Amino acid sequence: MSPNGRGSHIHLPLAGGFKRGLGAAGLSQDVQGMHNGRLLALQKLFAENTISRAQYAVATSLETLKYPLRVLRVARDARTSSHRRDKPQTVSPRHL
C-alpha cells in the first residue's frame, strides 16, 4: 500500500507475451507490409486532420529512415536463429 493509502505497486510484470516484436512470426516478418500499413495510417490521420502537416512530415520521415533498419534487423535475426536451430542443444552438468 502506498503511504497515502490510495494504491499499491506490484513488483511483477502483469502483461506482455514476452515475444520479440519484430520479425518473430506472422505479420511482423512482413516488414514491407508493416511499413506500408504505418504509412497508410499516417495518411489517414493527416487526411482526417488528426495530425498536422508537420507531424505527418516528421512521422513519415522517421518511418522511412526506420524501414531499412527493420529489414536489416529481421534478416540478421533470421540468420542467427537458423544457426541456433542447426546446433544441437546441450546441457552442462552443472545446470542439472
N, C-alpha and C. Protein backbone atom coordinates (compact mmCIF):
# COMPACT_ATOMS: atom_id res chain seq x y z
N MET A 1 0.85 -1.17 0.00
CA MET A 1 0.00 0.00 0.00
C MET A 1 0.90 1.23 0.00
N SER A 2 0.47 2.25 -0.70
CA SER A 2 1.25 3.48 -0.73
C SER A 2 1.10 4.21 0.60
N PRO A 3 2.01 5.16 0.88
CA PRO A 3 1.93 5.88 2.16
C PRO A 3 0.60 6.60 2.36
N ASN A 4 -0.02 7.07 1.29
CA ASN A 4 -1.30 7.78 1.46
C ASN A 4 -2.49 6.84 1.45
N GLY A 5 -2.26 5.53 1.33
CA GLY A 5 -3.33 4.55 1.39
C GLY A 5 -4.21 4.49 0.15
N ARG A 6 -3.76 5.05 -0.95
CA ARG A 6 -4.61 5.12 -2.13
C ARG A 6 -4.25 4.11 -3.22
N GLY A 7 -3.20 3.37 -3.06
CA GLY A 7 -2.83 2.41 -4.08
C GLY A 7 -1.60 1.63 -3.66
N SER A 8 -1.21 0.73 -4.52
CA SER A 8 -0.03 -0.07 -4.23
C SER A 8 0.72 -0.34 -5.53
N HIS A 9 1.94 -0.77 -5.38
CA HIS A 9 2.78 -1.07 -6.53
C HIS A 9 3.07 -2.56 -6.53
N ILE A 10 2.76 -3.21 -7.62
CA ILE A 10 3.03 -4.63 -7.76
C ILE A 10 4.36 -4.77 -8.49
N HIS A 11 5.30 -5.44 -7.92
CA HIS A 11 6.63 -5.58 -8.49
C HIS A 11 6.75 -6.82 -9.37
N LEU A 12 5.77 -7.02 -10.27
CA LEU A 12 5.78 -8.16 -11.18
C LEU A 12 5.30 -7.70 -12.55
N PRO A 13 5.80 -8.33 -13.61
CA PRO A 13 5.23 -8.00 -14.93
C PRO A 13 3.80 -8.52 -15.01
N LEU A 14 2.89 -7.67 -15.45
CA LEU A 14 1.48 -8.06 -15.48
C LEU A 14 0.98 -8.39 -16.88
N ALA A 15 1.69 -7.96 -17.89
CA ALA A 15 1.22 -8.19 -19.24
C ALA A 15 2.41 -8.34 -20.17
N GLY A 16 2.12 -8.85 -21.33
CA GLY A 16 3.17 -8.99 -22.33
C GLY A 16 3.36 -10.44 -22.67
N GLY A 17 3.55 -10.68 -23.93
CA GLY A 17 3.73 -12.04 -24.38
C GLY A 17 5.17 -12.48 -24.34
N PHE A 18 6.07 -11.58 -24.00
CA PHE A 18 7.50 -11.87 -23.95
C PHE A 18 7.97 -12.45 -25.28
N LYS A 19 7.41 -11.95 -26.35
CA LYS A 19 7.74 -12.36 -27.70
C LYS A 19 8.44 -11.20 -28.37
N ARG A 20 9.41 -11.50 -29.20
CA ARG A 20 10.06 -10.44 -29.95
C ARG A 20 9.02 -9.72 -30.78
N GLY A 21 9.09 -8.42 -30.81
CA GLY A 21 8.09 -7.64 -31.50
C GLY A 21 8.25 -7.60 -33.01
N LEU A 22 9.46 -7.72 -33.49
CA LEU A 22 9.69 -7.54 -34.91
C LEU A 22 10.35 -8.78 -35.49
N GLY A 23 9.75 -9.33 -36.51
CA GLY A 23 10.34 -10.44 -37.23
C GLY A 23 10.19 -11.79 -36.57
N ALA A 24 9.43 -11.87 -35.49
CA ALA A 24 9.31 -13.14 -34.79
C ALA A 24 8.43 -14.13 -35.54
N ALA A 25 7.32 -13.67 -36.04
CA ALA A 25 6.41 -14.56 -36.78
C ALA A 25 5.28 -13.74 -37.37
N GLY A 26 4.55 -14.36 -38.27
CA GLY A 26 3.35 -13.73 -38.81
C GLY A 26 3.63 -12.43 -39.53
N LEU A 27 2.75 -11.45 -39.27
CA LEU A 27 2.85 -10.17 -39.96
C LEU A 27 4.18 -9.47 -39.69
N SER A 28 4.75 -9.64 -38.51
CA SER A 28 5.99 -8.93 -38.21
C SER A 28 7.15 -9.37 -39.10
N GLN A 29 7.03 -10.53 -39.77
CA GLN A 29 8.05 -10.92 -40.73
C GLN A 29 7.86 -10.17 -42.04
N ASP A 30 6.68 -9.65 -42.29
CA ASP A 30 6.40 -8.88 -43.50
C ASP A 30 6.69 -7.42 -43.19
N VAL A 31 7.98 -7.09 -43.18
CA VAL A 31 8.41 -5.74 -42.80
C VAL A 31 7.84 -4.71 -43.77
N GLN A 32 7.81 -5.03 -45.05
CA GLN A 32 7.28 -4.09 -46.03
C GLN A 32 5.79 -3.86 -45.81
N GLY A 33 5.05 -4.91 -45.50
CA GLY A 33 3.63 -4.77 -45.21
C GLY A 33 3.38 -3.90 -43.99
N MET A 34 4.18 -4.10 -42.95
CA MET A 34 4.05 -3.28 -41.75
C MET A 34 4.38 -1.82 -42.05
N HIS A 35 5.44 -1.61 -42.83
CA HIS A 35 5.85 -0.25 -43.21
C HIS A 35 4.72 0.44 -43.99
N ASN A 36 4.17 -0.27 -44.99
CA ASN A 36 3.09 0.31 -45.78
C ASN A 36 1.87 0.60 -44.92
N GLY A 37 1.59 -0.26 -43.96
CA GLY A 37 0.47 -0.04 -43.04
C GLY A 37 0.67 1.20 -42.18
N ARG A 38 1.88 1.40 -41.71
CA ARG A 38 2.17 2.60 -40.91
C ARG A 38 2.00 3.86 -41.76
N LEU A 39 2.52 3.82 -43.00
CA LEU A 39 2.39 4.98 -43.87
C LEU A 39 0.92 5.26 -44.20
N LEU A 40 0.15 4.21 -44.43
CA LEU A 40 -1.27 4.37 -44.72
C LEU A 40 -2.00 4.98 -43.51
N ALA A 41 -1.66 4.51 -42.32
CA ALA A 41 -2.28 5.05 -41.10
C ALA A 41 -1.95 6.54 -40.96
N LEU A 42 -0.71 6.91 -41.24
CA LEU A 42 -0.33 8.32 -41.16
C LEU A 42 -1.09 9.15 -42.19
N GLN A 43 -1.25 8.61 -43.40
CA GLN A 43 -2.01 9.32 -44.44
C GLN A 43 -3.45 9.55 -43.99
N LYS A 44 -4.05 8.54 -43.38
CA LYS A 44 -5.43 8.67 -42.90
C LYS A 44 -5.53 9.70 -41.78
N LEU A 45 -4.58 9.65 -40.86
CA LEU A 45 -4.60 10.63 -39.76
C LEU A 45 -4.46 12.05 -40.29
N PHE A 46 -3.61 12.24 -41.28
CA PHE A 46 -3.43 13.56 -41.87
C PHE A 46 -4.70 13.98 -42.64
N ALA A 47 -5.28 13.06 -43.40
CA ALA A 47 -6.49 13.38 -44.17
C ALA A 47 -7.66 13.74 -43.25
N GLU A 48 -7.70 13.15 -42.06
CA GLU A 48 -8.77 13.44 -41.09
C GLU A 48 -8.44 14.63 -40.20
N ASN A 49 -7.33 15.31 -40.49
CA ASN A 49 -6.87 16.46 -39.69
C ASN A 49 -6.61 16.09 -38.24
N THR A 50 -6.24 14.84 -38.00
CA THR A 50 -5.90 14.40 -36.65
C THR A 50 -4.48 14.80 -36.31
N ILE A 51 -3.61 14.82 -37.32
CA ILE A 51 -2.24 15.28 -37.13
C ILE A 51 -1.97 16.42 -38.12
N SER A 52 -1.04 17.28 -37.74
CA SER A 52 -0.71 18.44 -38.58
C SER A 52 0.22 18.02 -39.72
N ARG A 53 0.41 18.92 -40.65
CA ARG A 53 1.33 18.67 -41.77
C ARG A 53 2.74 18.42 -41.24
N ALA A 54 3.16 19.17 -40.23
CA ALA A 54 4.49 18.99 -39.65
C ALA A 54 4.62 17.62 -38.99
N GLN A 55 3.60 17.21 -38.24
CA GLN A 55 3.62 15.89 -37.60
C GLN A 55 3.66 14.79 -38.65
N TYR A 56 2.89 14.96 -39.70
CA TYR A 56 2.88 13.98 -40.79
C TYR A 56 4.26 13.88 -41.45
N ALA A 57 4.88 15.04 -41.71
CA ALA A 57 6.19 15.06 -42.35
C ALA A 57 7.25 14.40 -41.48
N VAL A 58 7.24 14.71 -40.20
CA VAL A 58 8.22 14.12 -39.28
C VAL A 58 7.99 12.61 -39.16
N ALA A 59 6.74 12.21 -38.98
CA ALA A 59 6.44 10.79 -38.79
C ALA A 59 6.78 9.97 -40.04
N THR A 60 6.44 10.47 -41.22
CA THR A 60 6.77 9.72 -42.43
C THR A 60 8.27 9.68 -42.67
N SER A 61 8.95 10.76 -42.32
CA SER A 61 10.43 10.77 -42.45
C SER A 61 11.06 9.74 -41.53
N LEU A 62 10.61 9.71 -40.29
CA LEU A 62 11.15 8.72 -39.34
C LEU A 62 10.84 7.31 -39.79
N GLU A 63 9.63 7.09 -40.27
CA GLU A 63 9.25 5.76 -40.75
C GLU A 63 10.12 5.34 -41.93
N THR A 64 10.40 6.28 -42.82
CA THR A 64 11.24 5.99 -43.98
C THR A 64 12.67 5.68 -43.56
N LEU A 65 13.17 6.35 -42.53
CA LEU A 65 14.51 6.06 -42.02
C LEU A 65 14.57 4.72 -41.30
N LYS A 66 13.50 4.36 -40.60
CA LYS A 66 13.50 3.13 -39.82
C LYS A 66 13.29 1.88 -40.67
N TYR A 67 12.65 2.02 -41.82
CA TYR A 67 12.33 0.85 -42.63
C TYR A 67 13.56 0.01 -42.99
N PRO A 68 14.62 0.59 -43.56
CA PRO A 68 15.77 -0.26 -43.90
C PRO A 68 16.44 -0.87 -42.67
N LEU A 69 16.38 -0.18 -41.55
CA LEU A 69 16.95 -0.74 -40.32
C LEU A 69 16.16 -1.97 -39.87
N ARG A 70 14.83 -1.91 -40.00
CA ARG A 70 13.99 -3.06 -39.65
C ARG A 70 14.28 -4.24 -40.58
N VAL A 71 14.43 -3.95 -41.88
CA VAL A 71 14.72 -5.02 -42.84
C VAL A 71 16.03 -5.70 -42.47
N LEU A 72 17.06 -4.92 -42.17
CA LEU A 72 18.35 -5.49 -41.79
C LEU A 72 18.25 -6.29 -40.50
N ARG A 73 17.50 -5.78 -39.54
CA ARG A 73 17.37 -6.48 -38.25
C ARG A 73 16.66 -7.82 -38.42
N VAL A 74 15.59 -7.84 -39.19
CA VAL A 74 14.86 -9.09 -39.40
C VAL A 74 15.74 -10.09 -40.14
N ALA A 75 16.49 -9.62 -41.14
CA ALA A 75 17.38 -10.52 -41.89
C ALA A 75 18.48 -11.06 -40.97
N ARG A 76 19.05 -10.21 -40.15
CA ARG A 76 20.09 -10.65 -39.21
C ARG A 76 19.54 -11.66 -38.22
N ASP A 77 18.37 -11.36 -37.67
CA ASP A 77 17.77 -12.26 -36.69
C ASP A 77 17.41 -13.60 -37.31
N ALA A 78 16.96 -13.58 -38.56
CA ALA A 78 16.63 -14.84 -39.25
C ALA A 78 17.89 -15.68 -39.43
N ARG A 79 19.00 -15.04 -39.76
CA ARG A 79 20.26 -15.77 -39.92
C ARG A 79 20.72 -16.36 -38.60
N THR A 80 20.69 -15.57 -37.55
CA THR A 80 21.18 -16.07 -36.26
C THR A 80 20.27 -17.14 -35.69
N SER A 81 18.96 -17.04 -35.90
CA SER A 81 18.07 -18.07 -35.37
C SER A 81 18.22 -19.37 -36.15
N SER A 82 18.51 -19.29 -37.45
CA SER A 82 18.71 -20.53 -38.21
C SER A 82 20.01 -21.21 -37.78
N HIS A 83 21.01 -20.42 -37.39
CA HIS A 83 22.25 -21.02 -36.89
C HIS A 83 22.01 -21.71 -35.56
N ARG A 84 21.17 -21.13 -34.73
CA ARG A 84 20.86 -21.74 -33.43
C ARG A 84 20.12 -23.05 -33.61
N ARG A 85 19.23 -23.14 -34.61
CA ARG A 85 18.47 -24.37 -34.83
C ARG A 85 19.37 -25.49 -35.34
N ASP A 86 20.45 -25.13 -36.04
CA ASP A 86 21.35 -26.14 -36.60
C ASP A 86 22.22 -26.79 -35.53
N LYS A 87 22.48 -26.08 -34.45
CA LYS A 87 23.36 -26.60 -33.41
C LYS A 87 22.55 -27.41 -32.41
N PRO A 88 23.02 -28.60 -32.04
CA PRO A 88 22.29 -29.37 -31.02
C PRO A 88 22.39 -28.69 -29.67
N GLN A 89 21.33 -28.80 -28.91
CA GLN A 89 21.31 -28.20 -27.58
C GLN A 89 21.95 -29.16 -26.59
N THR A 90 22.88 -28.67 -25.82
CA THR A 90 23.49 -29.48 -24.79
C THR A 90 23.29 -28.81 -23.45
N VAL A 91 23.23 -29.61 -22.44
CA VAL A 91 23.04 -29.10 -21.08
C VAL A 91 24.30 -29.43 -20.29
N SER A 92 24.84 -28.42 -19.69
CA SER A 92 26.02 -28.60 -18.86
C SER A 92 25.63 -29.33 -17.59
N PRO A 93 26.46 -30.26 -17.11
CA PRO A 93 26.13 -30.98 -15.87
C PRO A 93 25.93 -30.06 -14.68
N ARG A 94 26.59 -28.91 -14.67
CA ARG A 94 26.41 -28.03 -13.52
C ARG A 94 25.07 -27.33 -13.54
N HIS A 95 24.32 -27.38 -14.66
CA HIS A 95 22.98 -26.79 -14.71
C HIS A 95 21.89 -27.79 -14.37
N LEU A 96 22.25 -29.03 -14.08
CA LEU A 96 21.27 -30.05 -13.74
C LEU A 96 20.95 -30.06 -12.28
